């Protein structure tokens, strides 16, 4: 552990250590009472108000699910006065178990304006109450709805990017394969931020960084147990991206990994499989970073934010 800490960006490590979220015993709760993590995060978030920029329009909307008598909540961010915006459909992180769209306000308030994107963040169903395929189904239903109703939100259905961070990146990758097979809607780019890609936890980085801050091997084990609903020996199709046997005809990908994240090798393997199938892949490694580093205010996160703006502007330019 000490060797890992020595490599972490010093300013990042200082902010991580002083974070009030250190009060939450994530790993213990993940094993024994996963739902309680949601309560604890909500408690610490009370009173956190980020002012909405005047030129930004925020909406919470409910769209119909493919299941009868149920809706899916979407949180949308879009610049006022703009039409035919490229769309980023986003799936938040949280080990498949916790997390909310609102936790990304501090990023998306700026990103929607700096890139002129319509960002649609999906409040998908969470494990363990709703294991796979619930989150993927909610995400896919959202894509289908946007393919018909994007104009209501000033979006362009012909310029859809799918993305997600951590477990949300896993869900985004799964949906990308599903979309390719179903052929009902088109995704033009996939943006995966430090995603878990395998339930086997056998990579070199998973062993060497097993006790890294912000993401451990033990936590990864339990999140997959809940998400796969104990079907670890035979996961369903689409649940585990690295188990897919067809990587052909998938959209171009941007994949971000962190130097000190045990999940990084899984994402590298996924990137290699995409490249072997002929997909254009841009893979970026953030040096000195741990999993979810961008949630902590420090120069490393600021620099990464500006890098993200450039990346999205490049992706959008390629959509034209």
C-alpha atoms as a PDB file:
ATOM      1  CA  UNK A   1       0.000   0.000   0.000  1.00  0.00           C
ATOM      2  CA  UNK A   2       2.786   2.450   0.910  1.00  0.00           C
ATOM      3  CA  UNK A   3       4.444   1.901  -2.474  1.00  0.00           C
ATOM      4  CA  UNK A   4       1.155   2.795  -4.159  1.00  0.00           C
ATOM      5  CA  UNK A   5       0.695   5.918  -2.045  1.00  0.00           C
ATOM      6  CA  UNK A   6       4.198   7.091  -2.950  1.00  0.00           C
ATOM      7  CA  UNK A   7       3.162   7.137  -6.619  1.00  0.00           C
ATOM      8  CA  UNK A   8      -0.133   9.010  -6.139  1.00  0.00           C
ATOM      9  CA  UNK A   9      -0.143  12.646  -7.167  1.00  0.00           C
ATOM     10  CA  UNK A  10       0.609  14.430  -3.840  1.00  0.00           C
ATOM     11  CA  UNK A  11      -2.109  17.085  -4.186  1.00  0.00           C
ATOM     12  CA  UNK A  12      -4.674  14.420  -5.068  1.00  0.00           C
ATOM     13  CA  UNK A  13      -3.687  12.271  -2.094  1.00  0.00           C
ATOM     14  CA  UNK A  14      -3.951  15.248   0.254  1.00  0.00           C
ATOM     15  CA  UNK A  15      -7.521  15.954  -0.890  1.00  0.00           C
ATOM     16  CA  UNK A  16      -8.528  12.268  -0.706  1.00  0.00           C
ATOM     17  CA  UNK A  17      -7.282  12.055   2.880  1.00  0.00           C
ATOM     18  CA  UNK A  18      -9.236  15.136   3.950  1.00  0.00           C
ATOM     19  CA  UNK A  19     -12.482  14.125   2.221  1.00  0.00           C
ATOM     20  CA  UNK A  20     -15.540  13.744   4.496  1.00  0.00           C
ATOM     21  CA  UNK A  21     -16.438  10.653   2.470  1.00  0.00           C
ATOM     22  CA  UNK A  22     -13.630   8.868   4.331  1.00  0.00           C
ATOM     23  CA  UNK A  23     -16.208   8.490   7.098  1.00  0.00           C
ATOM     24  CA  UNK A  24     -17.963   5.873   4.965  1.00  0.00           C
ATOM     25  CA  UNK A  25     -16.649   2.333   5.406  1.00  0.00           C
ATOM     26  CA  UNK A  26     -17.229   1.491   1.762  1.00  0.00           C
ATOM     27  CA  UNK A  27     -15.642  -1.945   1.726  1.00  0.00           C
ATOM     28  CA  UNK A  28     -17.268  -3.156   4.941  1.00  0.00           C
ATOM     29  CA  UNK A  29     -20.680  -1.850   3.865  1.00  0.00           C
ATOM     30  CA  UNK A  30     -20.260  -3.298   0.392  1.00  0.00           C
ATOM     31  CA  UNK A  31     -19.816  -6.743   1.895  1.00  0.00           C
ATOM     32  CA  UNK A  32     -22.394  -6.540   4.675  1.00  0.00           C
ATOM     33  CA  UNK A  33     -24.969  -3.831   3.888  1.00  0.00           C
ATOM     34  CA  UNK A  34     -24.493  -2.439   0.354  1.00  0.00           C
ATOM     35  CA  UNK A  35     -27.693  -0.378   0.277  1.00  0.00           C
ATOM     36  CA  UNK A  36     -26.521   1.613   3.310  1.00  0.00           C
ATOM     37  CA  UNK A  37     -23.794   3.218   1.191  1.00  0.00           C
ATOM     38  CA  UNK A  38     -26.555   5.179  -0.567  1.00  0.00           C
ATOM     39  CA  UNK A  39     -27.843   6.475   2.776  1.00  0.00           C
ATOM     40  CA  UNK A  40     -24.372   7.466   3.928  1.00  0.00           C
ATOM     41  CA  UNK A  41     -23.544   9.306   0.696  1.00  0.00           C
ATOM     42  CA  UNK A  42     -26.885  11.107   0.798  1.00  0.00           C
ATOM     43  CA  UNK A  43     -26.240  12.165   4.406  1.00  0.00           C
ATOM     44  CA  UNK A  44     -22.852  13.659   3.533  1.00  0.00           C
ATOM     45  CA  UNK A  45     -24.271  15.400   0.475  1.00  0.00           C
ATOM     46  CA  UNK A  46     -26.970  17.282   2.385  1.00  0.00           C
ATOM     47  CA  UNK A  47     -26.425  21.013   2.026  1.00  0.00           C
ATOM     48  CA  UNK A  48     -24.163  20.664  -1.021  1.00  0.00           C
ATOM     49  CA  UNK A  49     -25.617  23.135  -3.500  1.00  0.00           C
ATOM     50  CA  UNK A  50     -23.873  23.943  -6.753  1.00  0.00           C
ATOM     51  CA  UNK A  51     -25.222  27.018  -8.486  1.00  0.00           C
ATOM     52  CA  UNK A  52     -26.642  26.258 -11.904  1.00  0.00           C
ATOM     53  CA  UNK A  53     -24.999  28.456 -14.573  1.00  0.00           C
ATOM     54  CA  UNK A  54     -27.450  30.983 -15.978  1.00  0.00           C
ATOM     55  CA  UNK A  55     -26.928  29.779 -19.562  1.00  0.00           C
ATOM     56  CA  UNK A  56     -27.625  26.121 -18.688  1.00  0.00           C
ATOM     57  CA  UNK A  57     -30.994  24.362 -18.712  1.00  0.00           C
ATOM     58  CA  UNK A  58     -31.430  21.471 -16.240  1.00  0.00           C
ATOM     59  CA  UNK A  59     -34.366  19.080 -16.317  1.00  0.00           C
ATOM     60  CA  UNK A  60     -35.422  15.918 -14.538  1.00  0.00           C
ATOM     61  CA  UNK A  61     -37.781  13.984 -16.765  1.00  0.00           C
ATOM     62  CA  UNK A  62     -39.514  10.618 -16.580  1.00  0.00           C
ATOM     63  CA  UNK A  63     -39.663   8.451 -19.676  1.00  0.00           C
ATOM     64  CA  UNK A  64     -41.561   5.190 -20.132  1.00  0.00           C
ATOM     65  CA  UNK A  65     -39.762   1.927 -19.482  1.00  0.00           C
ATOM     66  CA  UNK A  66     -40.242  -1.121 -21.684  1.00  0.00           C
ATOM     67  CA  UNK A  67     -41.773  -2.615 -18.530  1.00  0.00           C
ATOM     68  CA  UNK A  68     -45.373  -1.621 -17.993  1.00  0.00           C
ATOM     69  CA  UNK A  69     -46.240   0.823 -15.205  1.00  0.00           C
ATOM     70  CA  UNK A  70     -42.652   1.943 -14.640  1.00  0.00           C
ATOM     71  CA  UNK A  71     -40.661   4.998 -15.671  1.00  0.00           C
ATOM     72  CA  UNK A  72     -36.979   5.876 -15.910  1.00  0.00           C
ATOM     73  CA  UNK A  73     -35.688   9.179 -14.566  1.00  0.00           C
ATOM     74  CA  UNK A  74     -33.285  11.148 -16.738  1.00  0.00           C
ATOM     75  CA  UNK A  75     -31.357  14.214 -15.621  1.00  0.00           C
ATOM     76  CA  UNK A  76     -30.575  16.417 -18.595  1.00  0.00           C
ATOM     77  CA  UNK A  77     -28.100  19.264 -19.051  1.00  0.00           C
ATOM     78  CA  UNK A  78     -28.150  21.509 -22.123  1.00  0.00           C
ATOM     79  CA  UNK A  79     -27.011  24.988 -23.160  1.00  0.00           C
ATOM     80  CA  UNK A  80     -29.898  27.409 -23.566  1.00  0.00           C
ATOM     81  CA  UNK A  81     -30.715  28.626 -27.038  1.00  0.00           C
ATOM     82  CA  UNK A  82     -28.918  25.819 -28.874  1.00  0.00           C
ATOM     83  CA  UNK A  83     -30.541  23.318 -31.233  1.00  0.00           C
ATOM     84  CA  UNK A  84     -29.554  19.954 -32.738  1.00  0.00           C
ATOM     85  CA  UNK A  85     -27.013  19.307 -30.005  1.00  0.00           C
ATOM     86  CA  UNK A  86     -24.854  16.176 -30.029  1.00  0.00           C
ATOM     87  CA  UNK A  87     -26.031  13.876 -27.221  1.00  0.00           C
ATOM     88  CA  UNK A  88     -23.950  12.230 -24.507  1.00  0.00           C
ATOM     89  CA  UNK A  89     -25.981   9.480 -22.806  1.00  0.00           C
ATOM     90  CA  UNK A  90     -24.213   8.859 -19.499  1.00  0.00           C
ATOM     91  CA  UNK A  91     -24.294   6.122 -16.850  1.00  0.00           C
ATOM     92  CA  UNK A  92     -22.977   7.127 -13.437  1.00  0.00           C
ATOM     93  CA  UNK A  93     -20.545   5.079 -11.376  1.00  0.00           C
ATOM     94  CA  UNK A  94     -21.039   3.406  -8.012  1.00  0.00           C
ATOM     95  CA  UNK A  95     -20.156  -0.305  -8.192  1.00  0.00           C
ATOM     96  CA  UNK A  96     -23.565  -1.040  -9.797  1.00  0.00           C
ATOM     97  CA  UNK A  97     -24.988  -0.440  -6.301  1.00  0.00           C
ATOM     98  CA  UNK A  98     -24.969   3.272  -5.422  1.00  0.00           C
ATOM     99  CA  UNK A  99     -24.456   6.663  -7.050  1.00  0.00           C
ATOM    100  CA  UNK A 100     -26.844   9.200  -8.595  1.00  0.00           C
ATOM    101  CA  UNK A 101     -26.870  11.484 -11.636  1.00  0.00           C
ATOM    102  CA  UNK A 102     -26.724  14.517  -9.313  1.00  0.00           C
ATOM    103  CA  UNK A 103     -23.271  13.498  -8.072  1.00  0.00           C
ATOM    104  CA  UNK A 104     -21.963  14.533 -11.497  1.00  0.00           C
ATOM    105  CA  UNK A 105     -23.493  18.033 -11.497  1.00  0.00           C
ATOM    106  CA  UNK A 106     -20.152  19.625 -10.674  1.00  0.00           C
ATOM    107  CA  UNK A 107     -18.719  18.164 -13.893  1.00  0.00           C
ATOM    108  CA  UNK A 108     -21.724  18.272 -16.212  1.00  0.00           C
ATOM    109  CA  UNK A 109     -22.725  21.877 -15.443  1.00  0.00           C
ATOM    110  CA  UNK A 110     -19.423  22.905 -17.019  1.00  0.00           C
ATOM    111  CA  UNK A 111     -19.030  20.160 -19.607  1.00  0.00           C
ATOM    112  CA  UNK A 112     -22.404  20.727 -21.264  1.00  0.00           C
ATOM    113  CA  UNK A 113     -21.503  24.385 -21.806  1.00  0.00           C
ATOM    114  CA  UNK A 114     -17.839  23.949 -22.727  1.00  0.00           C
ATOM    115  CA  UNK A 115     -18.637  21.307 -25.370  1.00  0.00           C
ATOM    116  CA  UNK A 116     -22.181  22.354 -26.346  1.00  0.00           C
ATOM    117  CA  UNK A 117     -23.500  18.879 -25.589  1.00  0.00           C
ATOM    118  CA  UNK A 118     -26.904  17.678 -24.475  1.00  0.00           C
ATOM    119  CA  UNK A 119     -25.972  15.397 -21.585  1.00  0.00           C
ATOM    120  CA  UNK A 120     -28.579  12.822 -20.574  1.00  0.00           C
ATOM    121  CA  UNK A 121     -27.696  11.070 -17.313  1.00  0.00           C
ATOM    122  CA  UNK A 122     -29.649   7.879 -16.641  1.00  0.00           C
ATOM    123  CA  UNK A 123     -30.914   7.110 -13.139  1.00  0.00           C
ATOM    124  CA  UNK A 124     -30.829   3.369 -13.769  1.00  0.00           C
ATOM    125  CA  UNK A 125     -31.924   0.655 -11.351  1.00  0.00           C
ATOM    126  CA  UNK A 126     -29.296  -0.533  -8.882  1.00  0.00           C
ATOM    127  CA  UNK A 127     -28.126  -3.889  -7.545  1.00  0.00           C
ATOM    128  CA  UNK A 128     -28.518  -5.860  -5.358  1.00  0.00           C
ATOM    129  CA  UNK A 129     -32.285  -5.215  -5.554  1.00  0.00           C
ATOM    130  CA  UNK A 130     -32.073  -5.050  -9.342  1.00  0.00           C
ATOM    131  CA  UNK A 131     -29.164  -7.125 -10.680  1.00  0.00           C
ATOM    132  CA  UNK A 132     -28.209  -7.455 -14.339  1.00  0.00           C
ATOM    133  CA  UNK A 133     -29.870  -6.853 -16.796  1.00  0.00           C
ATOM    134  CA  UNK A 134     -31.930  -4.094 -15.096  1.00  0.00           C
ATOM    135  CA  UNK A 135     -29.378  -1.275 -15.521  1.00  0.00           C
ATOM    136  CA  UNK A 136     -28.628  -2.253 -19.115  1.00  0.00           C
ATOM    137  CA  UNK A 137     -32.340  -2.406 -19.947  1.00  0.00           C
ATOM    138  CA  UNK A 138     -32.915   1.076 -18.498  1.00  0.00           C
ATOM    139  CA  UNK A 139     -29.997   2.391 -20.515  1.00  0.00           C
ATOM    140  CA  UNK A 140     -31.187   0.771 -23.717  1.00  0.00           C
ATOM    141  CA  UNK A 141     -34.757   2.037 -23.207  1.00  0.00           C
ATOM    142  CA  UNK A 142     -33.273   5.522 -22.854  1.00  0.00           C
ATOM    143  CA  UNK A 143     -31.475   5.203 -26.175  1.00  0.00           C
ATOM    144  CA  UNK A 144     -34.654   4.064 -27.915  1.00  0.00           C
ATOM    145  CA  UNK A 145     -36.611   6.953 -26.420  1.00  0.00           C
ATOM    146  CA  UNK A 146     -33.972   9.480 -27.508  1.00  0.00           C
ATOM    147  CA  UNK A 147     -33.980   8.054 -31.024  1.00  0.00           C
ATOM    148  CA  UNK A 148     -37.598   9.231 -31.254  1.00  0.00           C
ATOM    149  CA  UNK A 149     -37.755  12.224 -28.910  1.00  0.00           C
ATOM    150  CA  UNK A 150     -34.291  13.834 -28.901  1.00  0.00           C
ATOM    151  CA  UNK A 151     -35.647  16.938 -30.624  1.00  0.00           C
ATOM    152  CA  UNK A 152     -37.824  17.694 -27.575  1.00  0.00           C
ATOM    153  CA  UNK A 153     -34.541  18.267 -25.714  1.00  0.00           C
ATOM    154  CA  UNK A 154     -32.863  20.147 -28.579  1.00  0.00           C
ATOM    155  CA  UNK A 155     -30.749  17.063 -29.311  1.00  0.00           C
ATOM    156  CA  UNK A 156     -29.745  15.411 -32.571  1.00  0.00           C
ATOM    157  CA  UNK A 157     -30.637  11.703 -32.604  1.00  0.00           C
ATOM    158  CA  UNK A 158     -28.051  11.176 -35.352  1.00  0.00           C
ATOM    159  CA  UNK A 159     -25.191  12.258 -33.073  1.00  0.00           C
ATOM    160  CA  UNK A 160     -25.415  10.000 -30.037  1.00  0.00           C
ATOM    161  CA  UNK A 161     -22.385   9.223 -27.867  1.00  0.00           C
ATOM    162  CA  UNK A 162     -22.639   6.672 -25.055  1.00  0.00           C
ATOM    163  CA  UNK A 163     -20.490   6.995 -21.950  1.00  0.00           C
ATOM    164  CA  UNK A 164     -20.025   6.154 -18.329  1.00  0.00           C
ATOM    165  CA  UNK A 165     -17.568   6.098 -15.467  1.00  0.00           C
ATOM    166  CA  UNK A 166     -16.560   3.071 -13.415  1.00  0.00           C
ATOM    167  CA  UNK A 167     -19.536   0.662 -13.304  1.00  0.00           C
ATOM    168  CA  UNK A 168     -21.361   3.081 -15.589  1.00  0.00           C
ATOM    169  CA  UNK A 169     -18.632   2.460 -18.156  1.00  0.00           C
ATOM    170  CA  UNK A 170     -19.319  -1.262 -17.907  1.00  0.00           C
ATOM    171  CA  UNK A 171     -23.015  -0.650 -18.528  1.00  0.00           C
ATOM    172  CA  UNK A 172     -22.221   1.632 -21.480  1.00  0.00           C
ATOM    173  CA  UNK A 173     -19.961  -1.028 -23.030  1.00  0.00           C
ATOM    174  CA  UNK A 174     -22.625  -3.709 -22.558  1.00  0.00           C
ATOM    175  CA  UNK A 175     -25.245  -1.523 -24.212  1.00  0.00           C
ATOM    176  CA  UNK A 176     -22.897  -0.841 -27.123  1.00  0.00           C
ATOM    177  CA  UNK A 177     -22.753  -4.583 -27.890  1.00  0.00           C
ATOM    178  CA  UNK A 178     -26.519  -4.899 -27.465  1.00  0.00           C
ATOM    179  CA  UNK A 179     -27.158  -1.958 -29.814  1.00  0.00           C
ATOM    180  CA  UNK A 180     -24.877  -3.497 -32.448  1.00  0.00           C
ATOM    181  CA  UNK A 181     -26.825  -6.786 -32.289  1.00  0.00           C
ATOM    182  CA  UNK A 182     -30.349  -5.325 -32.177  1.00  0.00           C
ATOM    183  CA  UNK A 183     -29.789  -2.754 -34.944  1.00  0.00           C
ATOM    184  CA  UNK A 184     -32.622  -0.496 -33.709  1.00  0.00           C
ATOM    185  CA  UNK A 185     -30.552   2.598 -32.970  1.00  0.00           C
ATOM    186  CA  UNK A 186     -27.037   3.843 -33.739  1.00  0.00           C
ATOM    187  CA  UNK A 187     -24.267   4.901 -31.362  1.00  0.00           C
ATOM    188  CA  UNK A 188     -21.468   6.955 -32.919  1.00  0.00           C
ATOM    189  CA  UNK A 189     -18.861   6.822 -30.129  1.00  0.00           C
ATOM    190  CA  UNK A 190     -18.280   5.136 -26.772  1.00  0.00           C
ATOM    191  CA  UNK A 191     -16.563   6.997 -23.926  1.00  0.00           C
ATOM    192  CA  UNK A 192     -15.461   4.712 -21.089  1.00  0.00           C
ATOM    193  CA  UNK A 193     -13.898   6.184 -17.967  1.00  0.00           C
ATOM    194  CA  UNK A 194     -11.940   3.695 -15.764  1.00  0.00           C
ATOM    195  CA  UNK A 195     -14.443   0.869 -16.411  1.00  0.00           C
ATOM    196  CA  UNK A 196     -14.502  -2.601 -14.775  1.00  0.00           C
ATOM    197  CA  UNK A 197     -14.495  -5.093 -17.652  1.00  0.00           C
ATOM    198  CA  UNK A 198     -14.125  -8.543 -16.078  1.00  0.00           C
ATOM    199  CA  UNK A 199     -15.516 -10.350 -13.034  1.00  0.00           C
ATOM    200  CA  UNK A 200     -12.531 -12.742 -12.963  1.00  0.00           C
ATOM    201  CA  UNK A 201     -10.146 -10.232 -11.296  1.00  0.00           C
ATOM    202  CA  UNK A 202      -7.073 -12.037 -12.627  1.00  0.00           C
ATOM    203  CA  UNK A 203      -5.088  -9.268 -14.322  1.00  0.00           C
ATOM    204  CA  UNK A 204      -1.624  -8.190 -13.227  1.00  0.00           C
ATOM    205  CA  UNK A 205      -2.860  -4.755 -12.133  1.00  0.00           C
ATOM    206  CA  UNK A 206      -5.628  -6.357 -10.061  1.00  0.00           C
ATOM    207  CA  UNK A 207      -3.007  -8.294  -8.108  1.00  0.00           C
ATOM    208  CA  UNK A 208      -0.386  -5.547  -7.822  1.00  0.00           C
ATOM    209  CA  UNK A 209      -2.892  -2.797  -6.943  1.00  0.00           C
ATOM    210  CA  UNK A 210      -5.323  -4.995  -4.981  1.00  0.00           C
ATOM    211  CA  UNK A 211      -5.346  -2.611  -2.000  1.00  0.00           C
ATOM    212  CA  UNK A 212      -5.192   0.697  -3.856  1.00  0.00           C
ATOM    213  CA  UNK A 213      -7.135   3.663  -2.455  1.00  0.00           C
ATOM    214  CA  UNK A 214     -10.629   4.196  -3.938  1.00  0.00           C
ATOM    215  CA  UNK A 215     -10.838   0.730  -5.540  1.00  0.00           C
ATOM    216  CA  UNK A 216      -9.741  -2.602  -4.092  1.00  0.00           C
ATOM    217  CA  UNK A 217      -9.869  -6.146  -5.371  1.00  0.00           C
ATOM    218  CA  UNK A 218     -12.198  -7.097  -2.509  1.00  0.00           C
ATOM    219  CA  UNK A 219     -14.660  -4.336  -3.417  1.00  0.00           C
ATOM    220  CA  UNK A 220     -14.540  -5.394  -7.071  1.00  0.00           C
ATOM    221  CA  UNK A 221     -15.333  -8.971  -6.076  1.00  0.00           C
ATOM    222  CA  UNK A 222     -18.451  -7.983  -4.158  1.00  0.00           C
ATOM    223  CA  UNK A 223     -19.802  -5.564  -6.730  1.00  0.00           C
ATOM    224  CA  UNK A 224     -19.723  -8.326  -9.340  1.00  0.00           C
ATOM    225  CA  UNK A 225     -21.392 -10.776  -6.934  1.00  0.00           C
ATOM    226  CA  UNK A 226     -24.343  -8.406  -6.482  1.00  0.00           C
ATOM    227  CA  UNK A 227     -24.515  -7.301 -10.112  1.00  0.00           C
ATOM    228  CA  UNK A 228     -24.421 -10.846 -11.501  1.00  0.00           C
ATOM    229  CA  UNK A 229     -26.744 -12.131  -8.784  1.00  0.00           C
ATOM    230  CA  UNK A 230     -24.373 -15.009  -7.914  1.00  0.00           C
ATOM    231  CA  UNK A 231     -24.122 -16.139 -11.563  1.00  0.00           C
ATOM    232  CA  UNK A 232     -20.352 -15.734 -11.442  1.00  0.00           C
ATOM    233  CA  UNK A 233     -19.659 -19.122 -12.995  1.00  0.00           C
ATOM    234  CA  UNK A 234     -21.863 -18.443 -16.016  1.00  0.00           C
ATOM    235  CA  UNK A 235     -22.688 -14.726 -16.460  1.00  0.00           C
ATOM    236  CA  UNK A 236     -25.465 -13.822 -18.916  1.00  0.00           C
ATOM    237  CA  UNK A 237     -24.591 -12.426 -22.330  1.00  0.00           C
ATOM    238  CA  UNK A 238     -23.670  -8.711 -22.308  1.00  0.00           C
ATOM    239  CA  UNK A 239     -23.128  -8.597 -18.519  1.00  0.00           C
ATOM    240  CA  UNK A 240     -19.312  -8.822 -18.619  1.00  0.00           C
ATOM    241  CA  UNK A 241     -17.749  -6.955 -21.550  1.00  0.00           C
ATOM    242  CA  UNK A 242     -14.569  -9.046 -21.712  1.00  0.00           C
ATOM    243  CA  UNK A 243     -16.635 -12.221 -22.074  1.00  0.00           C
ATOM    244  CA  UNK A 244     -18.139 -11.028 -25.353  1.00  0.00           C
ATOM    245  CA  UNK A 245     -17.060 -13.098 -28.353  1.00  0.00           C
ATOM    246  CA  UNK A 246     -17.816 -10.516 -31.057  1.00  0.00           C
ATOM    247  CA  UNK A 247     -16.006  -7.196 -31.169  1.00  0.00           C
ATOM    248  CA  UNK A 248     -16.760  -6.443 -34.800  1.00  0.00           C
ATOM    249  CA  UNK A 249     -18.679  -3.373 -35.980  1.00  0.00           C
ATOM    250  CA  UNK A 250     -18.558  -1.442 -32.717  1.00  0.00           C
ATOM    251  CA  UNK A 251     -18.295   2.368 -32.665  1.00  0.00           C
ATOM    252  CA  UNK A 252     -14.989   4.194 -32.125  1.00  0.00           C
ATOM    253  CA  UNK A 253     -13.940   4.290 -28.494  1.00  0.00           C
ATOM    254  CA  UNK A 254     -12.231   6.605 -26.050  1.00  0.00           C
ATOM    255  CA  UNK A 255     -11.029   4.755 -22.955  1.00  0.00           C
ATOM    256  CA  UNK A 256      -9.500   6.447 -19.910  1.00  0.00           C
ATOM    257  CA  UNK A 257      -7.484   4.491 -17.346  1.00  0.00           C
ATOM    258  CA  UNK A 258      -5.698   5.481 -14.132  1.00  0.00           C
ATOM    259  CA  UNK A 259      -2.115   4.479 -13.415  1.00  0.00           C
ATOM    260  CA  UNK A 260      -2.922   3.280  -9.879  1.00  0.00           C
ATOM    261  CA  UNK A 261      -6.297   1.625 -10.493  1.00  0.00           C
ATOM    262  CA  UNK A 262      -6.475  -2.192 -10.254  1.00  0.00           C
ATOM    263  CA  UNK A 263      -9.078  -2.100 -13.050  1.00  0.00           C
ATOM    264  CA  UNK A 264      -6.699  -0.589 -15.609  1.00  0.00           C
ATOM    265  CA  UNK A 265      -5.478  -3.817 -17.267  1.00  0.00           C
ATOM    266  CA  UNK A 266      -9.056  -4.952 -17.940  1.00  0.00           C
ATOM    267  CA  UNK A 267      -9.690  -1.752 -19.872  1.00  0.00           C
ATOM    268  CA  UNK A 268      -6.409  -2.148 -21.793  1.00  0.00           C
ATOM    269  CA  UNK A 269      -7.390  -5.691 -22.812  1.00  0.00           C
ATOM    270  CA  UNK A 270     -10.799  -4.397 -23.916  1.00  0.00           C
ATOM    271  CA  UNK A 271      -9.141  -1.646 -25.959  1.00  0.00           C
ATOM    272  CA  UNK A 272      -6.871  -4.226 -27.616  1.00  0.00           C
ATOM    273  CA  UNK A 273      -9.849  -6.429 -28.529  1.00  0.00           C
ATOM    274  CA  UNK A 274     -11.582  -3.451 -30.120  1.00  0.00           C
ATOM    275  CA  UNK A 275      -8.442  -2.553 -32.079  1.00  0.00           C
ATOM    276  CA  UNK A 276      -8.006  -6.143 -33.287  1.00  0.00           C
ATOM    277  CA  UNK A 277     -11.567  -5.991 -34.636  1.00  0.00           C
ATOM    278  CA  UNK A 278     -10.754  -2.825 -36.559  1.00  0.00           C
ATOM    279  CA  UNK A 279     -12.293  -0.262 -34.223  1.00  0.00           C
ATOM    280  CA  UNK A 280     -10.566   3.095 -33.770  1.00  0.00           C
ATOM    281  CA  UNK A 281      -9.547   3.396 -30.103  1.00  0.00           C
ATOM    282  CA  UNK A 282      -7.987   6.293 -28.204  1.00  0.00           C
ATOM    283  CA  UNK A 283      -6.581   5.053 -24.890  1.00  0.00           C
ATOM    284  CA  UNK A 284      -5.390   7.586 -22.299  1.00  0.00           C
ATOM    285  CA  UNK A 285      -3.610   6.795 -19.023  1.00  0.00           C
ATOM    286  CA  UNK A 286      -3.709   9.412 -16.258  1.00  0.00           C
ATOM    287  CA  UNK A 287      -0.422   9.223 -14.361  1.00  0.00           C
ATOM    288  CA  UNK A 288      -0.492   9.515 -10.582  1.00  0.00           C
ATOM    289  CA  UNK A 289      -4.249   8.919 -10.545  1.00  0.00           C
ATOM    290  CA  UNK A 290      -6.355   6.455  -8.589  1.00  0.00           C
ATOM    291  CA  UNK A 291      -9.862   5.268  -9.433  1.00  0.00           C
ATOM    292  CA  UNK A 292     -12.438   8.105  -9.403  1.00  0.00           C
ATOM    293  CA  UNK A 293      -9.681  10.702  -8.955  1.00  0.00           C
ATOM    294  CA  UNK A 294     -11.680  13.288 -10.888  1.00  0.00           C
ATOM    295  CA  UNK A 295     -14.141  13.609  -7.983  1.00  0.00           C
ATOM    296  CA  UNK A 296     -11.441  15.312  -5.921  1.00  0.00           C
ATOM    297  CA  UNK A 297     -10.615  18.968  -6.517  1.00  0.00           C
ATOM    298  CA  UNK A 298      -6.920  19.281  -7.311  1.00  0.00           C
ATOM    299  CA  UNK A 299      -4.706  20.333 -10.251  1.00  0.00           C
ATOM    300  CA  UNK A 300      -4.634  16.772 -11.642  1.00  0.00           C
ATOM    301  CA  UNK A 301      -8.434  16.718 -11.851  1.00  0.00           C
ATOM    302  CA  UNK A 302      -8.549  20.242 -13.304  1.00  0.00           C
ATOM    303  CA  UNK A 303      -6.077  19.270 -16.017  1.00  0.00           C
ATOM    304  CA  UNK A 304      -8.082  16.136 -16.778  1.00  0.00           C
ATOM    305  CA  UNK A 305     -11.282  18.161 -17.055  1.00  0.00           C
ATOM    306  CA  UNK A 306      -9.687  20.356 -19.738  1.00  0.00           C
ATOM    307  CA  UNK A 307      -8.402  17.220 -21.451  1.00  0.00           C
ATOM    308  CA  UNK A 308     -11.957  15.834 -21.457  1.00  0.00           C
ATOM    309  CA  UNK A 309     -13.268  19.011 -23.092  1.00  0.00           C
ATOM    310  CA  UNK A 310     -10.694  18.631 -25.872  1.00  0.00           C
ATOM    311  CA  UNK A 311     -11.539  14.939 -26.297  1.00  0.00           C
ATOM    312  CA  UNK A 312     -15.273  15.599 -26.558  1.00  0.00           C
ATOM    313  CA  UNK A 313     -14.740  18.470 -28.970  1.00  0.00           C
ATOM    314  CA  UNK A 314     -12.690  16.113 -31.163  1.00  0.00           C
ATOM    315  CA  UNK A 315     -15.397  13.427 -30.972  1.00  0.00           C
ATOM    316  CA  UNK A 316     -18.101  15.958 -31.858  1.00  0.00           C
ATOM    317  CA  UNK A 317     -16.055  17.253 -34.780  1.00  0.00           C
ATOM    318  CA  UNK A 318     -15.850  13.692 -36.137  1.00  0.00           C
ATOM    319  CA  UNK A 319     -19.637  13.361 -35.973  1.00  0.00           C
ATOM    320  CA  UNK A 320     -20.156  16.194 -38.468  1.00  0.00           C
END
